[in-house]
Amino acid sequence: MSEKVSVKVCLGTTCFVMGSSNLQELIDTVPKKYGDKVEVSGVPCLGLCSIDWEFSKAPYVKVNDEVIKEATVEKVLKAIDEKLK
Protein backbone atom coordinates (compact mmCIF):
# COMPACT_ATOMS: atom_id res chain seq x y z
CA MET A 1 0.00 0.00 0.00
CA SER A 2 1.27 3.45 -0.85
CA GLU A 3 1.92 6.09 1.74
CA LYS A 4 -0.78 8.48 2.78
CA VAL A 5 -1.03 11.68 0.81
CA SER A 6 -0.41 14.65 3.09
CA VAL A 7 -2.39 17.84 2.47
CA LYS A 8 -1.36 20.92 4.41
CA VAL A 9 -3.61 23.96 4.13
CA CYS A 10 -1.88 27.20 5.10
CA LEU A 11 -3.97 29.12 7.60
CA GLY A 12 -1.56 32.04 7.94
CA THR A 13 -3.11 35.50 7.81
CA THR A 14 -2.40 36.20 4.14
CA CYS A 15 -3.57 32.80 2.92
CA PHE A 16 -6.62 32.97 5.16
CA VAL A 17 -7.58 36.41 3.85
CA MET A 18 -6.88 35.31 0.26
CA GLY A 19 -9.22 32.37 0.54
CA SER A 20 -7.81 29.46 2.52
CA SER A 21 -10.85 29.81 4.77
CA ASN A 22 -12.79 28.35 1.82
CA LEU A 23 -10.38 25.42 1.72
CA GLN A 24 -11.43 24.28 5.17
CA GLU A 25 -14.20 22.32 3.47
CA LEU A 26 -11.41 19.94 2.37
CA ILE A 27 -11.28 18.76 5.97
CA ASP A 28 -14.81 17.40 5.47
CA THR A 29 -14.64 16.50 1.77
CA VAL A 30 -11.38 14.57 1.66
CA PRO A 31 -12.15 11.88 4.28
CA LYS A 32 -15.49 11.17 2.60
CA LYS A 33 -13.90 10.90 -0.84
CA TYR A 34 -10.58 9.21 -0.07
CA GLY A 35 -11.02 7.60 3.34
CA ASP A 36 -7.76 7.21 5.22
CA LYS A 37 -5.54 7.44 2.12
CA VAL A 38 -5.28 11.20 2.54
CA GLU A 39 -4.52 13.25 5.62
CA VAL A 40 -5.59 16.92 5.70
CA SER A 41 -4.34 19.40 8.24
CA GLY A 42 -4.30 23.14 8.66
CA VAL A 43 -0.88 24.59 9.41
CA PRO A 44 -0.18 27.99 10.99
CA CYS A 45 1.96 29.16 8.05
CA LEU A 46 3.90 27.54 5.23
CA GLY A 47 6.05 30.70 4.89
CA LEU A 48 5.59 30.75 1.14
CA CYS A 49 4.14 34.22 0.59
CA SER A 50 7.08 35.81 2.40
CA ILE A 51 9.42 34.56 -0.33
CA ASP A 52 7.82 36.80 -2.92
CA TRP A 53 5.29 38.97 -1.15
CA GLU A 54 4.55 41.30 -4.05
CA PHE A 55 3.59 38.43 -6.35
CA SER A 56 2.07 36.25 -3.67
CA LYS A 57 -0.10 33.48 -5.08
CA ALA A 58 -1.92 32.85 -1.82
CA PRO A 59 -3.63 30.78 -0.66
CA TYR A 60 -1.08 27.98 -0.66
CA VAL A 61 -1.61 24.29 -0.04
CA LYS A 62 1.03 21.57 -0.01
CA VAL A 63 0.09 18.13 -1.33
CA ASN A 64 3.03 15.98 -0.26
CA ASP A 65 5.92 18.12 -1.55
CA GLU A 66 3.98 19.85 -4.32
CA VAL A 67 3.07 23.47 -3.63
CA ILE A 68 -0.28 24.53 -5.04
CA LYS A 69 -0.51 28.27 -5.60
CA GLU A 70 -3.81 30.15 -5.65
CA ALA A 71 -5.27 26.95 -4.30
CA THR A 72 -8.89 26.02 -4.77
CA VAL A 73 -10.74 22.94 -3.59
CA GLU A 74 -10.78 21.73 -7.22
CA LYS A 75 -7.01 22.20 -7.68
CA VAL A 76 -6.27 20.38 -4.43
CA LEU A 77 -8.55 17.43 -5.24
CA LYS A 78 -6.94 17.18 -8.70
CA ALA A 79 -3.47 17.08 -7.12
CA ILE A 80 -4.59 14.37 -4.68
CA ASP A 81 -5.98 12.32 -7.57
CA GLU A 82 -2.62 12.61 -9.35
CA LYS A 83 -0.73 11.43 -6.27
CA LEU A 84 -3.03 8.45 -5.79
CA LYS A 85 -2.66 7.18 -9.37
PDB file of N, CA and C in Angstrom:
ATOM      1  N   MET A   1       0.839  -1.195   0.000  1.00  0.00           N
ATOM      2  CA  MET A   1       0.000   0.000   0.000  1.00  0.00           C
ATOM      3  C   MET A   1       0.876   1.247   0.000  1.00  0.00           C
ATOM      4  N   SER A   2       0.460   2.239  -0.782  1.00  0.00           N
ATOM      5  CA  SER A   2       1.269   3.451  -0.851  1.00  0.00           C
ATOM      6  C   SER A   2       1.062   4.293   0.399  1.00  0.00           C
ATOM      7  N   GLU A   3       2.001   5.210   0.580  1.00  0.00           N
ATOM      8  CA  GLU A   3       1.918   6.093   1.742  1.00  0.00           C
ATOM      9  C   GLU A   3       0.705   6.999   1.633  1.00  0.00           C
ATOM     10  N   LYS A   4       0.302   7.505   2.767  1.00  0.00           N
ATOM     11  CA  LYS A   4      -0.784   8.485   2.781  1.00  0.00           C
ATOM     12  C   LYS A   4      -0.348   9.743   2.053  1.00  0.00           C
ATOM     13  N   VAL A   5      -1.294  10.378   1.402  1.00  0.00           N
ATOM     14  CA  VAL A   5      -1.033  11.681   0.806  1.00  0.00           C
ATOM     15  C   VAL A   5      -1.271  12.723   1.892  1.00  0.00           C
ATOM     16  N   SER A   6      -0.307  13.612   2.064  1.00  0.00           N
ATOM     17  CA  SER A   6      -0.413  14.647   3.089  1.00  0.00           C
ATOM     18  C   SER A   6      -0.839  15.959   2.441  1.00  0.00           C
ATOM     19  N   VAL A   7      -1.905  16.548   2.962  1.00  0.00           N
ATOM     20  CA  VAL A   7      -2.387  17.841   2.466  1.00  0.00           C
ATOM     21  C   VAL A   7      -2.289  18.837   3.607  1.00  0.00           C
ATOM     22  N   LYS A   8      -1.521  19.893   3.383  1.00  0.00           N
ATOM     23  CA  LYS A   8      -1.360  20.921   4.406  1.00  0.00           C
ATOM     24  C   LYS A   8      -1.922  22.233   3.871  1.00  0.00           C
ATOM     25  N   VAL A   9      -2.961  22.705   4.520  1.00  0.00           N
ATOM     26  CA  VAL A   9      -3.605  23.959   4.129  1.00  0.00           C
ATOM     27  C   VAL A   9      -3.021  25.071   4.988  1.00  0.00           C
ATOM     28  N   CYS A  10      -2.444  26.085   4.341  1.00  0.00           N
ATOM     29  CA  CYS A  10      -1.880  27.196   5.097  1.00  0.00           C
ATOM     30  C   CYS A  10      -3.003  28.056   5.646  1.00  0.00           C
ATOM     31  N   LEU A  11      -2.970  28.278   6.948  1.00  0.00           N
ATOM     32  CA  LEU A  11      -3.973  29.123   7.596  1.00  0.00           C
ATOM     33  C   LEU A  11      -3.360  30.419   8.118  1.00  0.00           C
ATOM     34  N   GLY A  12      -2.184  30.765   7.586  1.00  0.00           N
ATOM     35  CA  GLY A  12      -1.560  32.036   7.941  1.00  0.00           C
ATOM     36  C   GLY A  12      -2.458  33.187   7.508  1.00  0.00           C
ATOM     37  N   THR A  13      -2.222  34.366   8.039  1.00  0.00           N
ATOM     38  CA  THR A  13      -3.115  35.500   7.809  1.00  0.00           C
ATOM     39  C   THR A  13      -3.333  35.776   6.330  1.00  0.00           C
ATOM     40  N   THR A  14      -2.251  35.858   5.557  1.00  0.00           N
ATOM     41  CA  THR A  14      -2.397  36.200   4.138  1.00  0.00           C
ATOM     42  C   THR A  14      -3.208  35.142   3.412  1.00  0.00           C
ATOM     43  N   CYS A  15      -2.844  33.875   3.601  1.00  0.00           N
ATOM     44  CA  CYS A  15      -3.572  32.803   2.917  1.00  0.00           C
ATOM     45  C   CYS A  15      -5.027  32.773   3.361  1.00  0.00           C
ATOM     46  N   PHE A  16      -5.252  33.004   4.650  1.00  0.00           N
ATOM     47  CA  PHE A  16      -6.620  32.968   5.165  1.00  0.00           C
ATOM     48  C   PHE A  16      -7.457  34.065   4.503  1.00  0.00           C
ATOM     49  N   VAL A  17      -6.884  35.276   4.444  1.00  0.00           N
ATOM     50  CA  VAL A  17      -7.585  36.407   3.846  1.00  0.00           C
ATOM     51  C   VAL A  17      -7.788  36.176   2.349  1.00  0.00           C
ATOM     52  N   MET A  18      -6.825  35.539   1.706  1.00  0.00           N
ATOM     53  CA  MET A  18      -6.881  35.315   0.261  1.00  0.00           C
ATOM     54  C   MET A  18      -7.701  34.080  -0.105  1.00  0.00           C
ATOM     55  N   GLY A  19      -8.284  33.420   0.892  1.00  0.00           N
ATOM     56  CA  GLY A  19      -9.224  32.369   0.542  1.00  0.00           C
ATOM     57  C   GLY A  19      -9.013  31.004   1.147  1.00  0.00           C
ATOM     58  N   SER A  20      -7.978  30.818   1.974  1.00  0.00           N
ATOM     59  CA  SER A  20      -7.811  29.465   2.524  1.00  0.00           C
ATOM     60  C   SER A  20      -8.952  29.107   3.462  1.00  0.00           C
ATOM     61  N   SER A  21      -9.693  30.128   3.940  1.00  0.00           N
ATOM     62  CA  SER A  21     -10.846  29.814   4.774  1.00  0.00           C
ATOM     63  C   SER A  21     -11.835  28.953   3.988  1.00  0.00           C
ATOM     64  N   ASN A  22     -11.914  29.171   2.666  1.00  0.00           N
ATOM     65  CA  ASN A  22     -12.794  28.352   1.823  1.00  0.00           C
ATOM     66  C   ASN A  22     -12.281  26.925   1.694  1.00  0.00           C
ATOM     67  N   LEU A  23     -10.980  26.743   1.896  1.00  0.00           N
ATOM     68  CA  LEU A  23     -10.380  25.416   1.723  1.00  0.00           C
ATOM     69  C   LEU A  23     -10.646  24.521   2.923  1.00  0.00           C
ATOM     70  N   GLN A  24     -11.185  25.097   4.000  1.00  0.00           N
ATOM     71  CA  GLN A  24     -11.430  24.277   5.174  1.00  0.00           C
ATOM     72  C   GLN A  24     -12.453  23.187   4.883  1.00  0.00           C
ATOM     73  N   GLU A  25     -13.252  23.377   3.820  1.00  0.00           N
ATOM     74  CA  GLU A  25     -14.197  22.316   3.473  1.00  0.00           C
ATOM     75  C   GLU A  25     -13.474  21.035   3.049  1.00  0.00           C
ATOM     76  N   LEU A  26     -12.195  21.150   2.687  1.00  0.00           N
ATOM     77  CA  LEU A  26     -11.414  19.941   2.369  1.00  0.00           C
ATOM     78  C   LEU A  26     -11.361  19.004   3.565  1.00  0.00           C
ATOM     79  N   ILE A  27     -11.379  19.576   4.753  1.00  0.00           N
ATOM     80  CA  ILE A  27     -11.279  18.763   5.966  1.00  0.00           C
ATOM     81  C   ILE A  27     -12.492  17.836   6.071  1.00  0.00           C
ATOM     82  N   ASP A  28     -13.629  18.262   5.512  1.00  0.00           N
ATOM     83  CA  ASP A  28     -14.810  17.395   5.466  1.00  0.00           C
ATOM     84  C   ASP A  28     -14.851  16.545   4.201  1.00  0.00           C
ATOM     85  N   THR A  29     -14.505  17.161   3.069  1.00  0.00           N
ATOM     86  CA  THR A  29     -14.643  16.504   1.772  1.00  0.00           C
ATOM     87  C   THR A  29     -13.674  15.338   1.597  1.00  0.00           C
ATOM     88  N   VAL A  30     -12.413  15.565   1.949  1.00  0.00           N
ATOM     89  CA  VAL A  30     -11.379  14.571   1.663  1.00  0.00           C
ATOM     90  C   VAL A  30     -11.622  13.223   2.344  1.00  0.00           C
ATOM     91  N   PRO A  31     -11.925  13.190   3.652  1.00  0.00           N
ATOM     92  CA  PRO A  31     -12.150  11.877   4.277  1.00  0.00           C
ATOM     93  C   PRO A  31     -13.305  11.115   3.636  1.00  0.00           C
ATOM     94  N   LYS A  32     -14.356  11.840   3.236  1.00  0.00           N
ATOM     95  CA  LYS A  32     -15.494  11.169   2.598  1.00  0.00           C
ATOM     96  C   LYS A  32     -15.095  10.588   1.254  1.00  0.00           C
ATOM     97  N   LYS A  33     -14.260  11.321   0.514  1.00  0.00           N
ATOM     98  CA  LYS A  33     -13.900  10.903  -0.840  1.00  0.00           C
ATOM     99  C   LYS A  33     -12.773   9.871  -0.859  1.00  0.00           C
ATOM    100  N   TYR A  34     -11.789  10.039   0.009  1.00  0.00           N
ATOM    101  CA  TYR A  34     -10.578   9.205  -0.068  1.00  0.00           C
ATOM    102  C   TYR A  34     -10.376   8.294   1.142  1.00  0.00           C
ATOM    103  N   GLY A  35     -11.223   8.411   2.142  1.00  0.00           N
ATOM    104  CA  GLY A  35     -11.024   7.604   3.339  1.00  0.00           C
ATOM    105  C   GLY A  35      -9.715   7.951   4.011  1.00  0.00           C
ATOM    106  N   ASP A  36      -9.000   6.933   4.461  1.00  0.00           N
ATOM    107  CA  ASP A  36      -7.764   7.206   5.220  1.00  0.00           C
ATOM    108  C   ASP A  36      -6.525   7.254   4.340  1.00  0.00           C
ATOM    109  N   LYS A  37      -6.695   7.365   3.019  1.00  0.00           N
ATOM    110  CA  LYS A  37      -5.537   7.444   2.118  1.00  0.00           C
ATOM    111  C   LYS A  37      -4.945   8.844   2.092  1.00  0.00           C
ATOM    112  N   VAL A  38      -5.718   9.813   2.590  1.00  0.00           N
ATOM    113  CA  VAL A  38      -5.284  11.201   2.543  1.00  0.00           C
ATOM    114  C   VAL A  38      -5.475  11.822   3.915  1.00  0.00           C
ATOM    115  N   GLU A  39      -4.465  12.583   4.332  1.00  0.00           N
ATOM    116  CA  GLU A  39      -4.522  13.255   5.623  1.00  0.00           C
ATOM    117  C   GLU A  39      -4.499  14.758   5.383  1.00  0.00           C
ATOM    118  N   VAL A  40      -5.506  15.470   5.880  1.00  0.00           N
ATOM    119  CA  VAL A  40      -5.588  16.920   5.698  1.00  0.00           C
ATOM    120  C   VAL A  40      -5.348  17.601   7.028  1.00  0.00           C
ATOM    121  N   SER A  41      -4.516  18.630   7.010  1.00  0.00           N
ATOM    122  CA  SER A  41      -4.344  19.396   8.237  1.00  0.00           C
ATOM    123  C   SER A  41      -4.162  20.864   7.891  1.00  0.00           C
ATOM    124  N   GLY A  42      -4.568  21.719   8.803  1.00  0.00           N
ATOM    125  CA  GLY A  42      -4.302  23.142   8.663  1.00  0.00           C
ATOM    126  C   GLY A  42      -2.990  23.424   9.381  1.00  0.00           C
ATOM    127  N   VAL A  43      -2.160  24.238   8.777  1.00  0.00           N
ATOM    128  CA  VAL A  43      -0.884  24.586   9.414  1.00  0.00           C
ATOM    129  C   VAL A  43      -0.846  26.100   9.609  1.00  0.00           C
ATOM    130  N   PRO A  44      -0.180  26.557  10.680  1.00  0.00           N
ATOM    131  CA  PRO A  44      -0.184  27.988  10.990  1.00  0.00           C
ATOM    132  C   PRO A  44       0.349  28.847   9.844  1.00  0.00           C
ATOM    133  N   CYS A  45       1.415  28.406   9.177  1.00  0.00           N
ATOM    134  CA  CYS A  45       1.963  29.165   8.052  1.00  0.00           C
ATOM    135  C   CYS A  45       2.990  28.315   7.336  1.00  0.00           C
ATOM    136  N   LEU A  46       2.899  28.255   6.020  1.00  0.00           N
ATOM    137  CA  LEU A  46       3.903  27.536   5.230  1.00  0.00           C
ATOM    138  C   LEU A  46       5.078  28.452   4.882  1.00  0.00           C
ATOM    139  N   GLY A  47       4.952  29.754   5.148  1.00  0.00           N
ATOM    140  CA  GLY A  47       6.048  30.696   4.895  1.00  0.00           C
ATOM    141  C   GLY A  47       6.293  30.973   3.424  1.00  0.00           C
ATOM    142  N   LEU A  48       5.333  30.631   2.570  1.00  0.00           N
ATOM    143  CA  LEU A  48       5.588  30.746   1.135  1.00  0.00           C
ATOM    144  C   LEU A  48       5.355  32.148   0.592  1.00  0.00           C
ATOM    145  N   CYS A  49       4.401  32.885   1.145  1.00  0.00           N
ATOM    146  CA  CYS A  49       4.142  34.220   0.589  1.00  0.00           C
ATOM    147  C   CYS A  49       5.265  35.181   0.942  1.00  0.00           C
ATOM    148  N   SER A  50       5.999  34.898   2.005  1.00  0.00           N
ATOM    149  CA  SER A  50       7.078  35.807   2.401  1.00  0.00           C
ATOM    150  C   SER A  50       8.251  35.760   1.429  1.00  0.00           C
ATOM    151  N   ILE A  51       8.330  34.689   0.629  1.00  0.00           N
ATOM    152  CA  ILE A  51       9.425  34.559  -0.331  1.00  0.00           C
ATOM    153  C   ILE A  51       9.282  35.622  -1.411  1.00  0.00           C
ATOM    154  N   ASP A  52       8.054  35.859  -1.835  1.00  0.00           N
ATOM    155  CA  ASP A  52       7.818  36.802  -2.919  1.00  0.00           C
ATOM    156  C   ASP A  52       6.498  37.515  -2.648  1.00  0.00           C
ATOM    157  N   TRP A  53       6.516  38.360  -1.649  1.00  0.00           N
ATOM    158  CA  TRP A  53       5.288  38.968  -1.147  1.00  0.00           C
ATOM    159  C   TRP A  53       4.515  39.695  -2.242  1.00  0.00           C
ATOM    160  N   GLU A  54       5.218  40.457  -3.062  1.00  0.00           N
ATOM    161  CA  GLU A  54       4.546  41.300  -4.050  1.00  0.00           C
ATOM    162  C   GLU A  54       3.734  40.470  -5.050  1.00  0.00           C
ATOM    163  N   PHE A  55       4.255  39.287  -5.366  1.00  0.00           N
ATOM    164  CA  PHE A  55       3.587  38.432  -6.347  1.00  0.00           C
ATOM    165  C   PHE A  55       3.004  37.202  -5.669  1.00  0.00           C
ATOM    166  N   SER A  56       2.602  37.379  -4.427  1.00  0.00           N
ATOM    167  CA  SER A  56       2.073  36.253  -3.674  1.00  0.00           C
ATOM    168  C   SER A  56       0.921  35.592  -4.416  1.00  0.00           C
ATOM    169  N   LYS A  57       0.950  34.262  -4.424  1.00  0.00           N
ATOM    170  CA  LYS A  57      -0.096  33.483  -5.076  1.00  0.00           C
ATOM    171  C   LYS A  57      -0.936  32.778  -4.023  1.00  0.00           C
ATOM    172  N   ALA A  58      -1.140  33.440  -2.897  1.00  0.00           N
ATOM    173  CA  ALA A  58      -1.922  32.854  -1.819  1.00  0.00           C
ATOM    174  C   ALA A  58      -3.356  32.623  -2.307  1.00  0.00           C
ATOM    175  N   PRO A  59      -4.071  31.685  -1.726  1.00  0.00           N
ATOM    176  CA  PRO A  59      -3.626  30.778  -0.660  1.00  0.00           C
ATOM    177  C   PRO A  59      -2.801  29.612  -1.201  1.00  0.00           C
ATOM    178  N   TYR A  60      -1.944  29.104  -0.317  1.00  0.00           N
ATOM    179  CA  TYR A  60      -1.084  27.979  -0.658  1.00  0.00           C
ATOM    180  C   TYR A  60      -1.535  26.716   0.060  1.00  0.00           C
ATOM    181  N   VAL A  61      -1.375  25.605  -0.636  1.00  0.00           N
ATOM    182  CA  VAL A  61      -1.611  24.287  -0.041  1.00  0.00           C
ATOM    183  C   VAL A  61      -0.465  23.404  -0.500  1.00  0.00           C
ATOM    184  N   LYS A  62       0.022  22.555   0.386  1.00  0.00           N
ATOM    185  CA  LYS A  62       1.033  21.570  -0.006  1.00  0.00           C
ATOM    186  C   LYS A  62       0.387  20.197  -0.062  1.00  0.00           C
ATOM    187  N   VAL A  63       0.534  19.520  -1.191  1.00  0.00           N
ATOM    188  CA  VAL A  63       0.088  18.134  -1.333  1.00  0.00           C
ATOM    189  C   VAL A  63       1.373  17.324  -1.456  1.00  0.00           C
ATOM    190  N   ASN A  64       1.699  16.574  -0.410  1.00  0.00           N
ATOM    191  CA  ASN A  64       3.028  15.978  -0.257  1.00  0.00           C
ATOM    192  C   ASN A  64       4.039  17.105  -0.398  1.00  0.00           C
ATOM    193  N   ASP A  65       4.921  17.059  -1.412  1.00  0.00           N
ATOM    194  CA  ASP A  65       5.924  18.124  -1.547  1.00  0.00           C
ATOM    195  C   ASP A  65       5.559  19.137  -2.621  1.00  0.00           C
ATOM    196  N   GLU A  66       4.393  18.948  -3.246  1.00  0.00           N
ATOM    197  CA  GLU A  66       3.983  19.852  -4.320  1.00  0.00           C
ATOM    198  C   GLU A  66       3.247  21.053  -3.735  1.00  0.00           C
ATOM    199  N   VAL A  67       3.714  22.247  -4.093  1.00  0.00           N
ATOM    200  CA  VAL A  67       3.070  23.471  -3.631  1.00  0.00           C
ATOM    201  C   VAL A  67       2.011  23.863  -4.651  1.00  0.00           C
ATOM    202  N   ILE A  68       0.792  24.077  -4.176  1.00  0.00           N
ATOM    203  CA  ILE A  68      -0.277  24.533  -5.044  1.00  0.00           C
ATOM    204  C   ILE A  68      -0.516  26.000  -4.729  1.00  0.00           C
ATOM    205  N   LYS A  69      -0.319  26.824  -5.757  1.00  0.00           N
ATOM    206  CA  LYS A  69      -0.508  28.267  -5.603  1.00  0.00           C
ATOM    207  C   LYS A  69      -1.944  28.610  -5.962  1.00  0.00           C
ATOM    208  N   GLU A  70      -2.437  29.702  -5.393  1.00  0.00           N
ATOM    209  CA  GLU A  70      -3.813  30.147  -5.645  1.00  0.00           C
ATOM    210  C   GLU A  70      -4.747  28.947  -5.547  1.00  0.00           C
ATOM    211  N   ALA A  71      -4.592  28.219  -4.460  1.00  0.00           N
ATOM    212  CA  ALA A  71      -5.271  26.946  -4.296  1.00  0.00           C
ATOM    213  C   ALA A  71      -6.785  27.094  -4.232  1.00  0.00           C
ATOM    214  N   THR A  72      -7.443  26.143  -4.867  1.00  0.00           N
ATOM    215  CA  THR A  72      -8.892  26.017  -4.768  1.00  0.00           C
ATOM    216  C   THR A  72      -9.172  24.575  -4.378  1.00  0.00           C
ATOM    217  N   VAL A  73     -10.381  24.318  -3.937  1.00  0.00           N
ATOM    218  CA  VAL A  73     -10.740  22.939  -3.595  1.00  0.00           C
ATOM    219  C   VAL A  73     -10.526  22.045  -4.821  1.00  0.00           C
ATOM    220  N   GLU A  74     -10.920  22.518  -6.002  1.00  0.00           N
ATOM    221  CA  GLU A  74     -10.775  21.728  -7.221  1.00  0.00           C
ATOM    222  C   GLU A  74      -9.312  21.401  -7.511  1.00  0.00           C
ATOM    223  N   LYS A  75      -8.433  22.419  -7.403  1.00  0.00           N
ATOM    224  CA  LYS A  75      -7.008  22.200  -7.681  1.00  0.00           C
ATOM    225  C   LYS A  75      -6.418  21.186  -6.709  1.00  0.00           C
ATOM    226  N   VAL A  76      -6.807  21.285  -5.441  1.00  0.00           N
ATOM    227  CA  VAL A  76      -6.267  20.379  -4.427  1.00  0.00           C
ATOM    228  C   VAL A  76      -6.751  18.951  -4.681  1.00  0.00           C
ATOM    229  N   LEU A  77      -8.036  18.777  -4.985  1.00  0.00           N
ATOM    230  CA  LEU A  77      -8.551  17.426  -5.244  1.00  0.00           C
ATOM    231  C   LEU A  77      -7.877  16.829  -6.475  1.00  0.00           C
ATOM    232  N   LYS A  78      -7.627  17.650  -7.488  1.00  0.00           N
ATOM    233  CA  LYS A  78      -6.945  17.178  -8.702  1.00  0.00           C
ATOM    234  C   LYS A  78      -5.530  16.687  -8.344  1.00  0.00           C
ATOM    235  N   ALA A  79      -4.825  17.457  -7.529  1.00  0.00           N
ATOM    236  CA  ALA A  79      -3.474  17.076  -7.124  1.00  0.00           C
ATOM    237  C   ALA A  79      -3.490  15.772  -6.321  1.00  0.00           C
ATOM    238  N   ILE A  80      -4.485  15.614  -5.446  1.00  0.00           N
ATOM    239  CA  ILE A  80      -4.593  14.373  -4.675  1.00  0.00           C
ATOM    240  C   ILE A  80      -4.826  13.207  -5.632  1.00  0.00           C
ATOM    241  N   ASP A  81      -5.722  13.387  -6.597  1.00  0.00           N
ATOM    242  CA  ASP A  81      -5.982  12.316  -7.569  1.00  0.00           C
ATOM    243  C   ASP A  81      -4.704  11.912  -8.283  1.00  0.00           C
ATOM    244  N   GLU A  82      -3.890  12.899  -8.671  1.00  0.00           N
ATOM    245  CA  GLU A  82      -2.622  12.612  -9.352  1.00  0.00           C
ATOM    246  C   GLU A  82      -1.709  11.768  -8.465  1.00  0.00           C
ATOM    247  N   LYS A  83      -1.629  12.149  -7.190  1.00  0.00           N
ATOM    248  CA  LYS A  83      -0.731  11.433  -6.272  1.00  0.00           C
ATOM    249  C   LYS A  83      -1.219  10.004  -6.020  1.00  0.00           C
ATOM    250  N   LEU A  84      -2.501   9.775  -6.102  1.00  0.00           N
ATOM    251  CA  LEU A  84      -3.034   8.447  -5.789  1.00  0.00           C
ATOM    252  C   LEU A  84      -3.039   7.504  -6.995  1.00  0.00           C
ATOM    253  N   LYS A  85      -2.680   8.018  -8.166  1.00  0.00           N
ATOM    254  CA  LYS A  85      -2.660   7.176  -9.371  1.00  0.00           C
ATOM    255  C   LYS A  85      -1.655   6.061  -9.251  1.00  0.00           C
TER     256      LYS A  85
END
